[in-house]
Amino acid sequence: MDLPYALVLLAVLVAAGIGIYSLGFSAGRQAAIEAGVPRAMVLDPLDDETPSGNRGAARESDAQGVPAGNQDTGNAGEGGSTPVVLTASGTSRIDPRLAEHNYYRLTRVFEEDARLVLAALDDAGLGGFAVLDRSGRGRNNRSLYVVYLDVAIAGGAFASSSDERRRLQRLVGAVGDDLKAAGGPGFVEPIWERYNGS
């Protein structure tokens, strides 16, 4: 076989491989959306803009299509007065986390500070949500919230997403530094944590 024909054949095979990957990835993302998982982040290693498509955690209007791993957390606090999940746009009773996915845990703070963090993330073009911390209460019996970046990385994709995780950590770190400089809460030892669904 001549060298030019081999190069053309190689180019065709590479183009076919990229096309098959793109079709498969698109079909998988569409299947997730149709299955009622519109906010689940599927990291595409070829797409630098993937996180911006994952803005906003689950809202009350999403409750019909709640993924199997998510839970209606019911009423919290006395008489249900404490919201269970906070987002930049409101509150929800639906925990947006998906089982067997990893989330970037930023901080554990009181509700007022959680709302400040969520607004700052939203202003920076990053989504976030805060889940009521049922493991304990803070001073004066006030509720604490754990704030997460609104990006879910499937357990099997975690190791291969190190570049994307570092990029997100830099973006979030800048938001935390700006918040702290403005007198708000900083992010104390943020860490990627796996949610097991309970």
N, C-alpha and C. Protein backbone atom coordinates (compact mmCIF):
# COMPACT_ATOMS: atom_id res chain seq x y z
N MET A 1 0.86 -1.18 0.00
CA MET A 1 0.00 0.00 0.00
C MET A 1 0.90 1.23 0.00
N ASP A 2 0.55 2.20 -0.82
CA ASP A 2 1.33 3.44 -0.89
C ASP A 2 1.13 4.27 0.36
N LEU A 3 2.11 5.07 0.72
CA LEU A 3 2.06 5.94 1.90
C LEU A 3 0.88 6.92 1.85
N PRO A 4 0.60 7.60 0.70
CA PRO A 4 -0.54 8.53 0.69
C PRO A 4 -1.87 7.84 0.98
N TYR A 5 -2.06 6.63 0.47
CA TYR A 5 -3.30 5.89 0.73
C TYR A 5 -3.39 5.50 2.20
N ALA A 6 -2.28 5.13 2.80
CA ALA A 6 -2.27 4.77 4.21
C ALA A 6 -2.61 5.98 5.08
N LEU A 7 -2.10 7.15 4.71
CA LEU A 7 -2.41 8.36 5.47
C LEU A 7 -3.88 8.73 5.34
N VAL A 8 -4.43 8.60 4.13
CA VAL A 8 -5.85 8.88 3.92
C VAL A 8 -6.69 7.90 4.73
N LEU A 9 -6.34 6.62 4.70
CA LEU A 9 -7.07 5.62 5.47
C LEU A 9 -7.00 5.92 6.96
N LEU A 10 -5.83 6.30 7.45
CA LEU A 10 -5.67 6.66 8.86
C LEU A 10 -6.54 7.86 9.22
N ALA A 11 -6.57 8.87 8.36
CA ALA A 11 -7.39 10.06 8.61
C ALA A 11 -8.87 9.69 8.65
N VAL A 12 -9.30 8.83 7.77
CA VAL A 12 -10.70 8.39 7.75
C VAL A 12 -11.03 7.63 9.03
N LEU A 13 -10.14 6.75 9.45
CA LEU A 13 -10.38 5.99 10.68
C LEU A 13 -10.44 6.90 11.91
N VAL A 14 -9.56 7.87 11.99
CA VAL A 14 -9.57 8.82 13.12
C VAL A 14 -10.87 9.63 13.10
N ALA A 15 -11.26 10.12 11.94
CA ALA A 15 -12.50 10.90 11.83
C ALA A 15 -13.70 10.05 12.22
N ALA A 16 -13.72 8.78 11.79
CA ALA A 16 -14.82 7.88 12.16
C ALA A 16 -14.85 7.66 13.66
N GLY A 17 -13.68 7.48 14.28
CA GLY A 17 -13.62 7.30 15.73
C GLY A 17 -14.16 8.50 16.48
N ILE A 18 -13.78 9.68 16.05
CA ILE A 18 -14.27 10.91 16.69
C ILE A 18 -15.77 11.03 16.50
N GLY A 19 -16.25 10.72 15.32
CA GLY A 19 -17.69 10.78 15.05
C GLY A 19 -18.47 9.81 15.91
N ILE A 20 -17.97 8.59 16.05
CA ILE A 20 -18.65 7.59 16.88
C ILE A 20 -18.65 8.03 18.34
N TYR A 21 -17.53 8.56 18.82
CA TYR A 21 -17.46 9.06 20.20
C TYR A 21 -18.50 10.16 20.42
N SER A 22 -18.55 11.13 19.50
CA SER A 22 -19.49 12.25 19.63
C SER A 22 -20.93 11.78 19.63
N LEU A 23 -21.26 10.86 18.75
CA LEU A 23 -22.63 10.34 18.71
C LEU A 23 -22.97 9.60 19.99
N GLY A 24 -22.06 8.78 20.47
CA GLY A 24 -22.30 8.04 21.71
C GLY A 24 -22.45 8.95 22.91
N PHE A 25 -21.59 9.95 22.99
CA PHE A 25 -21.65 10.88 24.12
C PHE A 25 -22.96 11.66 24.09
N SER A 26 -23.33 12.16 22.92
CA SER A 26 -24.59 12.91 22.78
C SER A 26 -25.79 12.04 23.12
N ALA A 27 -25.78 10.80 22.66
CA ALA A 27 -26.89 9.89 22.96
C ALA A 27 -26.97 9.62 24.46
N GLY A 28 -25.82 9.46 25.11
CA GLY A 28 -25.82 9.22 26.56
C GLY A 28 -26.33 10.42 27.34
N ARG A 29 -25.90 11.61 26.94
CA ARG A 29 -26.37 12.82 27.61
C ARG A 29 -27.88 12.98 27.41
N GLN A 30 -28.37 12.73 26.18
CA GLN A 30 -29.80 12.85 25.91
C GLN A 30 -30.58 11.82 26.71
N ALA A 31 -30.06 10.61 26.84
CA ALA A 31 -30.74 9.58 27.62
C ALA A 31 -30.84 10.00 29.09
N ALA A 32 -29.79 10.62 29.61
CA ALA A 32 -29.83 11.09 31.00
C ALA A 32 -30.89 12.17 31.18
N ILE A 33 -30.99 13.08 30.23
CA ILE A 33 -32.00 14.13 30.31
C ILE A 33 -33.40 13.54 30.24
N GLU A 34 -33.61 12.61 29.32
CA GLU A 34 -34.93 11.99 29.18
C GLU A 34 -35.28 11.15 30.40
N ALA A 35 -34.27 10.66 31.11
CA ALA A 35 -34.51 9.86 32.31
C ALA A 35 -34.78 10.74 33.53
N GLY A 36 -34.83 12.05 33.32
CA GLY A 36 -35.14 12.95 34.43
C GLY A 36 -33.93 13.37 35.21
N VAL A 37 -32.76 13.38 34.62
CA VAL A 37 -31.53 13.77 35.30
C VAL A 37 -30.95 14.99 34.59
N PRO A 38 -31.72 16.07 34.45
CA PRO A 38 -31.23 17.20 33.67
C PRO A 38 -30.07 17.92 34.30
N ARG A 39 -29.86 17.80 35.60
CA ARG A 39 -28.79 18.55 36.22
C ARG A 39 -27.54 17.72 36.45
N ALA A 40 -27.60 16.44 36.14
CA ALA A 40 -26.43 15.60 36.36
C ALA A 40 -25.32 16.01 35.39
N MET A 41 -24.17 16.21 35.94
CA MET A 41 -23.04 16.62 35.11
C MET A 41 -22.36 15.40 34.55
N VAL A 42 -22.21 15.38 33.25
CA VAL A 42 -21.44 14.35 32.59
C VAL A 42 -20.23 15.06 32.04
N LEU A 43 -19.06 14.78 32.58
CA LEU A 43 -17.87 15.48 32.15
C LEU A 43 -17.40 14.96 30.81
N ASP A 44 -17.27 15.86 29.85
CA ASP A 44 -16.75 15.55 28.53
C ASP A 44 -15.32 16.04 28.49
N PRO A 45 -14.34 15.16 28.40
CA PRO A 45 -12.95 15.60 28.43
C PRO A 45 -12.56 16.48 27.25
N LEU A 46 -13.38 16.52 26.20
CA LEU A 46 -13.07 17.35 25.04
C LEU A 46 -13.74 18.71 25.08
N ASP A 47 -14.54 18.98 26.13
CA ASP A 47 -15.34 20.19 26.18
C ASP A 47 -14.91 21.05 27.37
N ASP A 48 -14.24 22.19 27.12
CA ASP A 48 -13.80 23.07 28.19
C ASP A 48 -14.95 23.77 28.88
N GLU A 49 -16.11 23.83 28.25
CA GLU A 49 -17.23 24.59 28.79
C GLU A 49 -18.24 23.71 29.51
N THR A 50 -17.96 22.44 29.73
CA THR A 50 -18.93 21.53 30.32
C THR A 50 -19.57 22.05 31.61
N PRO A 51 -18.83 22.58 32.61
CA PRO A 51 -19.46 22.98 33.86
C PRO A 51 -20.53 24.05 33.71
N SER A 52 -20.42 24.95 32.74
CA SER A 52 -21.41 26.01 32.63
C SER A 52 -22.77 25.47 32.22
N GLY A 53 -22.82 24.28 31.65
CA GLY A 53 -24.09 23.69 31.28
C GLY A 53 -24.79 23.04 32.45
N ASN A 54 -24.19 23.07 33.61
CA ASN A 54 -24.73 22.38 34.76
C ASN A 54 -25.15 23.38 35.84
N ARG A 55 -25.68 24.52 35.44
CA ARG A 55 -26.02 25.56 36.39
C ARG A 55 -27.35 25.23 37.06
N GLY A 56 -27.39 25.42 38.35
CA GLY A 56 -28.64 25.29 39.08
C GLY A 56 -28.89 23.89 39.59
N ALA A 57 -29.19 23.78 40.86
CA ALA A 57 -29.51 22.48 41.43
C ALA A 57 -31.00 22.22 41.27
N ALA A 58 -31.42 21.06 41.73
CA ALA A 58 -32.83 20.68 41.58
C ALA A 58 -33.73 21.68 42.27
N ARG A 59 -34.84 21.97 41.64
CA ARG A 59 -35.85 22.87 42.20
C ARG A 59 -37.14 22.09 42.38
N GLU A 60 -38.11 22.70 43.01
CA GLU A 60 -39.38 22.03 43.21
C GLU A 60 -39.97 21.55 41.89
N SER A 61 -39.78 22.33 40.81
CA SER A 61 -40.35 21.96 39.53
C SER A 61 -39.70 20.71 38.95
N ASP A 62 -38.51 20.34 39.44
CA ASP A 62 -37.82 19.15 38.97
C ASP A 62 -38.28 17.89 39.69
N ALA A 63 -39.10 18.03 40.69
CA ALA A 63 -39.44 16.91 41.56
C ALA A 63 -40.05 15.73 40.82
N GLN A 64 -40.74 15.98 39.70
CA GLN A 64 -41.36 14.88 38.97
C GLN A 64 -40.32 13.94 38.40
N GLY A 65 -39.16 14.46 37.99
CA GLY A 65 -38.15 13.65 37.34
C GLY A 65 -36.95 13.40 38.22
N VAL A 66 -37.15 13.17 39.49
CA VAL A 66 -36.04 12.99 40.41
C VAL A 66 -35.35 11.66 40.13
N PRO A 67 -34.04 11.67 39.94
CA PRO A 67 -33.32 10.43 39.71
C PRO A 67 -33.45 9.48 40.89
N ALA A 68 -33.30 8.19 40.65
CA ALA A 68 -33.51 7.18 41.68
C ALA A 68 -32.66 7.40 42.92
N GLY A 69 -31.46 7.95 42.79
CA GLY A 69 -30.58 8.14 43.94
C GLY A 69 -30.97 9.32 44.79
N ASN A 70 -31.81 10.20 44.30
CA ASN A 70 -32.16 11.40 45.04
C ASN A 70 -33.29 11.11 46.00
N GLN A 71 -33.35 11.91 47.05
CA GLN A 71 -34.33 11.66 48.09
C GLN A 71 -35.14 12.90 48.36
N ASP A 72 -36.44 12.70 48.59
CA ASP A 72 -37.24 13.78 49.13
C ASP A 72 -36.92 13.77 50.60
N THR A 73 -36.23 14.79 51.04
CA THR A 73 -35.72 14.80 52.40
C THR A 73 -36.77 15.19 53.43
N GLY A 74 -37.98 15.48 52.99
CA GLY A 74 -39.05 15.80 53.92
C GLY A 74 -38.84 17.13 54.60
N ASN A 75 -39.63 17.41 55.59
CA ASN A 75 -39.50 18.66 56.32
C ASN A 75 -38.35 18.55 57.30
N ALA A 76 -37.68 19.65 57.47
CA ALA A 76 -36.58 19.70 58.42
C ALA A 76 -36.90 20.69 59.51
N GLY A 77 -36.24 20.54 60.62
CA GLY A 77 -36.40 21.52 61.69
C GLY A 77 -37.79 21.47 62.30
N GLU A 78 -38.03 22.38 63.19
CA GLU A 78 -39.32 22.46 63.86
C GLU A 78 -40.38 22.95 62.89
N GLY A 79 -41.38 22.13 62.67
CA GLY A 79 -42.49 22.54 61.81
C GLY A 79 -42.08 22.70 60.35
N GLY A 80 -40.95 22.15 59.94
CA GLY A 80 -40.53 22.25 58.55
C GLY A 80 -40.07 23.63 58.15
N SER A 81 -39.65 24.46 59.10
CA SER A 81 -39.30 25.84 58.78
C SER A 81 -37.90 25.98 58.19
N THR A 82 -37.05 25.00 58.32
CA THR A 82 -35.69 25.08 57.82
C THR A 82 -35.62 24.44 56.44
N PRO A 83 -35.21 25.19 55.40
CA PRO A 83 -35.08 24.59 54.07
C PRO A 83 -34.02 23.50 54.08
N VAL A 84 -34.23 22.45 53.31
CA VAL A 84 -33.30 21.33 53.28
C VAL A 84 -32.19 21.56 52.25
N VAL A 85 -32.53 22.12 51.09
CA VAL A 85 -31.54 22.39 50.05
C VAL A 85 -31.68 23.84 49.63
N LEU A 86 -30.54 24.54 49.59
CA LEU A 86 -30.52 25.93 49.14
C LEU A 86 -29.82 26.00 47.79
N THR A 87 -30.32 26.87 46.93
CA THR A 87 -29.66 27.18 45.66
C THR A 87 -29.62 28.69 45.53
N ALA A 88 -28.94 29.18 44.53
CA ALA A 88 -28.88 30.63 44.32
C ALA A 88 -30.26 31.18 44.00
N SER A 89 -31.14 30.33 43.47
CA SER A 89 -32.46 30.82 43.07
C SER A 89 -33.58 30.45 44.04
N GLY A 90 -33.27 29.78 45.14
CA GLY A 90 -34.34 29.45 46.09
C GLY A 90 -34.02 28.24 46.94
N THR A 91 -35.07 27.50 47.30
CA THR A 91 -34.93 26.33 48.16
C THR A 91 -35.65 25.13 47.55
N SER A 92 -35.35 23.97 48.10
CA SER A 92 -35.96 22.74 47.61
C SER A 92 -35.99 21.72 48.74
N ARG A 93 -36.87 20.76 48.62
CA ARG A 93 -36.89 19.63 49.55
C ARG A 93 -36.20 18.43 48.92
N ILE A 94 -35.77 18.54 47.67
CA ILE A 94 -35.16 17.43 46.94
C ILE A 94 -33.64 17.56 46.98
N ASP A 95 -32.98 16.53 47.48
CA ASP A 95 -31.52 16.51 47.49
C ASP A 95 -31.06 16.24 46.06
N PRO A 96 -30.32 17.17 45.45
CA PRO A 96 -29.95 17.03 44.05
C PRO A 96 -28.80 16.05 43.79
N ARG A 97 -28.17 15.55 44.82
CA ARG A 97 -27.01 14.66 44.62
C ARG A 97 -27.43 13.30 44.09
N LEU A 98 -26.60 12.75 43.25
CA LEU A 98 -26.81 11.43 42.68
C LEU A 98 -25.90 10.43 43.37
N ALA A 99 -26.44 9.27 43.69
CA ALA A 99 -25.64 8.23 44.33
C ALA A 99 -24.47 7.84 43.44
N GLU A 100 -23.36 7.50 44.09
CA GLU A 100 -22.15 7.04 43.40
C GLU A 100 -21.51 8.12 42.53
N HIS A 101 -21.75 9.38 42.86
CA HIS A 101 -21.12 10.50 42.16
C HIS A 101 -20.30 11.30 43.17
N ASN A 102 -19.31 11.99 42.66
CA ASN A 102 -18.42 12.80 43.50
C ASN A 102 -18.76 14.27 43.34
N TYR A 103 -18.74 14.99 44.46
CA TYR A 103 -19.06 16.41 44.50
C TYR A 103 -17.95 17.15 45.23
N TYR A 104 -17.70 18.39 44.82
CA TYR A 104 -16.68 19.21 45.46
C TYR A 104 -17.31 19.93 46.64
N ARG A 105 -16.98 19.46 47.85
CA ARG A 105 -17.51 20.04 49.08
C ARG A 105 -16.66 21.26 49.42
N LEU A 106 -17.31 22.43 49.52
CA LEU A 106 -16.58 23.67 49.71
C LEU A 106 -16.45 24.09 51.16
N THR A 107 -17.56 24.03 51.89
CA THR A 107 -17.54 24.54 53.25
C THR A 107 -18.79 24.08 54.00
N ARG A 108 -18.78 24.27 55.31
CA ARG A 108 -19.94 23.98 56.17
C ARG A 108 -20.20 25.25 56.97
N VAL A 109 -21.36 25.88 56.71
CA VAL A 109 -21.64 27.20 57.28
C VAL A 109 -23.11 27.35 57.64
N PHE A 110 -23.41 28.44 58.34
CA PHE A 110 -24.80 28.78 58.64
C PHE A 110 -25.52 29.19 57.36
N GLU A 111 -26.84 29.21 57.42
CA GLU A 111 -27.66 29.49 56.24
C GLU A 111 -27.32 30.82 55.56
N GLU A 112 -27.11 31.87 56.34
CA GLU A 112 -26.83 33.18 55.75
C GLU A 112 -25.54 33.14 54.92
N ASP A 113 -24.51 32.49 55.47
CA ASP A 113 -23.24 32.37 54.75
C ASP A 113 -23.36 31.44 53.56
N ALA A 114 -24.17 30.40 53.69
CA ALA A 114 -24.39 29.49 52.56
C ALA A 114 -25.01 30.26 51.39
N ARG A 115 -25.95 31.13 51.69
CA ARG A 115 -26.58 31.93 50.63
C ARG A 115 -25.57 32.88 49.98
N LEU A 116 -24.66 33.44 50.78
CA LEU A 116 -23.60 34.30 50.22
C LEU A 116 -22.68 33.52 49.28
N VAL A 117 -22.30 32.32 49.70
CA VAL A 117 -21.43 31.48 48.88
C VAL A 117 -22.13 31.11 47.58
N LEU A 118 -23.39 30.72 47.67
CA LEU A 118 -24.14 30.33 46.46
C LEU A 118 -24.28 31.50 45.50
N ALA A 119 -24.53 32.68 46.01
CA ALA A 119 -24.63 33.87 45.16
C ALA A 119 -23.29 34.16 44.48
N ALA A 120 -22.20 34.03 45.23
CA ALA A 120 -20.88 34.28 44.66
C ALA A 120 -20.55 33.26 43.57
N LEU A 121 -20.87 32.00 43.81
CA LEU A 121 -20.65 30.97 42.78
C LEU A 121 -21.47 31.28 41.53
N ASP A 122 -22.72 31.67 41.75
CA ASP A 122 -23.61 32.00 40.63
C ASP A 122 -23.07 33.20 39.84
N ASP A 123 -22.60 34.22 40.55
CA ASP A 123 -22.03 35.40 39.90
C ASP A 123 -20.79 35.05 39.07
N ALA A 124 -20.06 34.02 39.51
CA ALA A 124 -18.85 33.60 38.80
C ALA A 124 -19.16 32.63 37.66
N GLY A 125 -20.45 32.34 37.45
CA GLY A 125 -20.83 31.42 36.38
C GLY A 125 -20.73 29.95 36.78
N LEU A 126 -20.61 29.70 38.07
CA LEU A 126 -20.55 28.34 38.59
C LEU A 126 -21.81 28.09 39.41
N GLY A 127 -22.39 26.96 39.27
CA GLY A 127 -23.56 26.63 40.08
C GLY A 127 -23.14 26.00 41.39
N GLY A 128 -24.02 26.06 42.36
CA GLY A 128 -23.75 25.44 43.64
C GLY A 128 -25.06 25.12 44.34
N PHE A 129 -24.99 24.31 45.35
CA PHE A 129 -26.15 24.04 46.19
C PHE A 129 -25.65 23.73 47.59
N ALA A 130 -26.53 23.91 48.57
CA ALA A 130 -26.18 23.65 49.96
C ALA A 130 -27.22 22.70 50.55
N VAL A 131 -26.74 21.66 51.21
CA VAL A 131 -27.61 20.65 51.80
C VAL A 131 -27.55 20.79 53.31
N LEU A 132 -28.73 20.75 53.94
CA LEU A 132 -28.81 20.81 55.39
C LEU A 132 -27.95 19.70 55.99
N ASP A 133 -27.07 20.06 56.91
CA ASP A 133 -26.19 19.09 57.55
C ASP A 133 -26.93 18.49 58.74
N ARG A 134 -27.32 17.25 58.60
CA ARG A 134 -28.08 16.59 59.66
C ARG A 134 -27.19 15.99 60.74
N SER A 135 -25.87 16.11 60.57
CA SER A 135 -24.96 15.50 61.55
C SER A 135 -24.82 16.32 62.82
N GLY A 136 -25.27 17.54 62.80
CA GLY A 136 -25.16 18.35 63.99
C GLY A 136 -25.57 19.79 63.74
N ARG A 137 -25.63 20.54 64.77
CA ARG A 137 -26.00 21.95 64.68
C ARG A 137 -24.85 22.81 65.17
N GLY A 138 -24.88 24.05 64.77
CA GLY A 138 -23.85 24.99 65.18
C GLY A 138 -24.22 25.68 66.48
N ARG A 139 -23.55 26.80 66.70
CA ARG A 139 -23.82 27.60 67.90
C ARG A 139 -25.30 27.97 67.99
N ASN A 140 -25.78 28.06 69.19
CA ASN A 140 -27.16 28.50 69.45
C ASN A 140 -28.17 27.63 68.71
N ASN A 141 -27.81 26.38 68.44
CA ASN A 141 -28.72 25.44 67.82
C ASN A 141 -29.16 25.86 66.41
N ARG A 142 -28.35 26.65 65.73
CA ARG A 142 -28.67 27.08 64.36
C ARG A 142 -28.27 26.00 63.37
N SER A 143 -29.03 25.91 62.29
CA SER A 143 -28.76 24.90 61.27
C SER A 143 -27.51 25.23 60.48
N LEU A 144 -26.76 24.19 60.15
CA LEU A 144 -25.59 24.32 59.30
C LEU A 144 -25.87 23.67 57.95
N TYR A 145 -25.23 24.21 56.92
CA TYR A 145 -25.38 23.68 55.56
C TYR A 145 -24.01 23.34 55.01
N VAL A 146 -23.96 22.26 54.23
CA VAL A 146 -22.75 21.89 53.52
C VAL A 146 -22.93 22.38 52.08
N VAL A 147 -21.98 23.21 51.62
CA VAL A 147 -22.08 23.80 50.29
C VAL A 147 -21.22 22.99 49.32
N TYR A 148 -21.83 22.66 48.17
CA TYR A 148 -21.17 21.89 47.13
C TYR A 148 -21.18 22.66 45.82
N LEU A 149 -20.17 22.42 45.01
CA LEU A 149 -20.18 22.88 43.63
C LEU A 149 -21.16 21.99 42.87
N ASP A 150 -21.93 22.58 41.97
CA ASP A 150 -22.97 21.85 41.25
C ASP A 150 -22.37 21.11 40.04
N VAL A 151 -21.45 20.22 40.32
CA VAL A 151 -20.83 19.38 39.30
C VAL A 151 -20.75 17.98 39.89
N ALA A 152 -21.31 17.01 39.19
CA ALA A 152 -21.26 15.63 39.63
C ALA A 152 -20.33 14.85 38.71
N ILE A 153 -19.40 14.12 39.29
CA ILE A 153 -18.50 13.29 38.51
C ILE A 153 -18.78 11.84 38.90
N ALA A 154 -19.20 11.05 37.93
CA ALA A 154 -19.50 9.64 38.19
C ALA A 154 -18.27 8.96 38.78
N GLY A 155 -18.53 8.01 39.66
CA GLY A 155 -17.44 7.33 40.35
C GLY A 155 -16.38 6.77 39.41
N GLY A 156 -16.80 6.16 38.31
CA GLY A 156 -15.86 5.57 37.37
C GLY A 156 -15.04 6.57 36.59
N ALA A 157 -15.52 7.80 36.51
CA ALA A 157 -14.83 8.84 35.74
C ALA A 157 -13.95 9.73 36.61
N PHE A 158 -13.95 9.49 37.92
CA PHE A 158 -13.26 10.40 38.83
C PHE A 158 -11.75 10.44 38.56
N ALA A 159 -11.12 9.31 38.45
CA ALA A 159 -9.66 9.28 38.26
C ALA A 159 -9.24 9.95 36.95
N SER A 160 -10.02 9.76 35.91
CA SER A 160 -9.65 10.31 34.61
C SER A 160 -10.01 11.78 34.45
N SER A 161 -10.63 12.37 35.46
CA SER A 161 -11.06 13.77 35.36
C SER A 161 -10.15 14.72 36.14
N SER A 162 -8.92 14.32 36.39
CA SER A 162 -8.04 15.13 37.25
C SER A 162 -7.79 16.53 36.69
N ASP A 163 -7.61 16.66 35.39
CA ASP A 163 -7.38 17.99 34.81
C ASP A 163 -8.60 18.88 35.01
N GLU A 164 -9.78 18.33 34.76
CA GLU A 164 -11.02 19.10 34.93
C GLU A 164 -11.23 19.46 36.39
N ARG A 165 -10.94 18.54 37.30
CA ARG A 165 -11.09 18.83 38.73
C ARG A 165 -10.15 19.95 39.16
N ARG A 166 -8.90 19.90 38.69
CA ARG A 166 -7.95 20.98 39.04
C ARG A 166 -8.44 22.32 38.50
N ARG A 167 -8.97 22.32 37.29
CA ARG A 167 -9.48 23.57 36.70
C ARG A 167 -10.64 24.12 37.54
N LEU A 168 -11.55 23.25 37.95
CA LEU A 168 -12.68 23.68 38.79
C LEU A 168 -12.19 24.16 40.15
N GLN A 169 -11.21 23.48 40.72
CA GLN A 169 -10.67 23.87 42.02
C GLN A 169 -10.05 25.26 41.95
N ARG A 170 -9.38 25.58 40.84
CA ARG A 170 -8.80 26.93 40.68
C ARG A 170 -9.91 27.97 40.60
N LEU A 171 -10.95 27.70 39.81
CA LEU A 171 -12.05 28.65 39.68
C LEU A 171 -12.74 28.88 41.03
N VAL A 172 -13.02 27.79 41.72
CA VAL A 172 -13.69 27.88 43.02
C VAL A 172 -12.78 28.56 44.04
N GLY A 173 -11.48 28.28 43.99
CA GLY A 173 -10.54 28.92 44.90
C GLY A 173 -10.54 30.43 44.76
N ALA A 174 -10.65 30.91 43.51
CA ALA A 174 -10.70 32.36 43.27
C ALA A 174 -11.97 32.95 43.87
N VAL A 175 -13.09 32.23 43.75
CA VAL A 175 -14.35 32.71 44.34
C VAL A 175 -14.21 32.77 45.86
N GLY A 176 -13.62 31.73 46.45
CA GLY A 176 -13.43 31.71 47.90
C GLY A 176 -12.52 32.82 48.39
N ASP A 177 -11.46 33.09 47.64
CA ASP A 177 -10.55 34.17 48.01
C ASP A 177 -11.26 35.52 47.96
N ASP A 178 -12.06 35.73 46.92
CA ASP A 178 -12.82 36.99 46.79
C ASP A 178 -13.82 37.14 47.93
N LEU A 179 -14.51 36.05 48.28
CA LEU A 179 -15.47 36.09 49.38
C LEU A 179 -14.78 36.45 50.70
N LYS A 180 -13.67 35.79 50.96
CA LYS A 180 -12.95 36.03 52.21
C LYS A 180 -12.42 37.46 52.27
N ALA A 181 -11.92 37.97 51.15
CA ALA A 181 -11.41 39.35 51.10
C ALA A 181 -12.52 40.36 51.36
N ALA A 182 -13.75 40.00 50.99
CA ALA A 182 -14.90 40.88 51.20
C ALA A 182 -15.53 40.69 52.57
N GLY A 183 -14.90 39.87 53.43
CA GLY A 183 -15.42 39.67 54.79
C GLY A 183 -16.39 38.52 54.90
N GLY A 184 -16.56 37.75 53.84
CA GLY A 184 -17.46 36.60 53.87
C GLY A 184 -16.75 35.35 54.30
N PRO A 185 -17.45 34.22 54.24
CA PRO A 185 -16.83 32.95 54.64
C PRO A 185 -15.84 32.48 53.60
N GLY A 186 -14.76 31.92 54.05
CA GLY A 186 -13.82 31.30 53.13
C GLY A 186 -14.16 29.82 52.99
N PHE A 187 -13.45 29.15 52.12
CA PHE A 187 -13.66 27.71 51.95
C PHE A 187 -12.58 27.00 52.75
N VAL A 188 -12.97 26.39 53.85
CA VAL A 188 -12.02 25.70 54.72
C VAL A 188 -11.87 24.27 54.25
N GLU A 189 -10.69 23.94 53.76
CA GLU A 189 -10.35 22.60 53.30
C GLU A 189 -11.40 21.98 52.38
N PRO A 190 -11.64 22.60 51.22
CA PRO A 190 -12.57 21.98 50.28
C PRO A 190 -12.02 20.63 49.81
N ILE A 191 -12.93 19.71 49.55
CA ILE A 191 -12.51 18.34 49.20
C ILE A 191 -13.56 17.70 48.30
N TRP A 192 -13.09 16.83 47.40
CA TRP A 192 -14.01 16.04 46.59
C TRP A 192 -14.51 14.90 47.47
N GLU A 193 -15.83 14.70 47.47
CA GLU A 193 -16.39 13.66 48.32
C GLU A 193 -17.42 12.87 47.53
N ARG A 194 -17.43 11.57 47.76
CA ARG A 194 -18.35 10.68 47.06
C ARG A 194 -19.65 10.61 47.84
N TYR A 195 -20.76 10.74 47.12
CA TYR A 195 -22.08 10.62 47.74
C TYR A 195 -22.59 9.21 47.47
N ASN A 196 -22.89 8.49 48.52
CA ASN A 196 -23.34 7.10 48.38
C ASN A 196 -24.84 6.93 48.42
N GLY A 197 -25.57 8.02 48.49
CA GLY A 197 -27.01 7.94 48.44
C GLY A 197 -27.71 7.84 49.77
N SER A 198 -27.00 8.06 50.85
CA SER A 198 -27.67 8.00 52.15
C SER A 198 -27.26 9.13 53.03
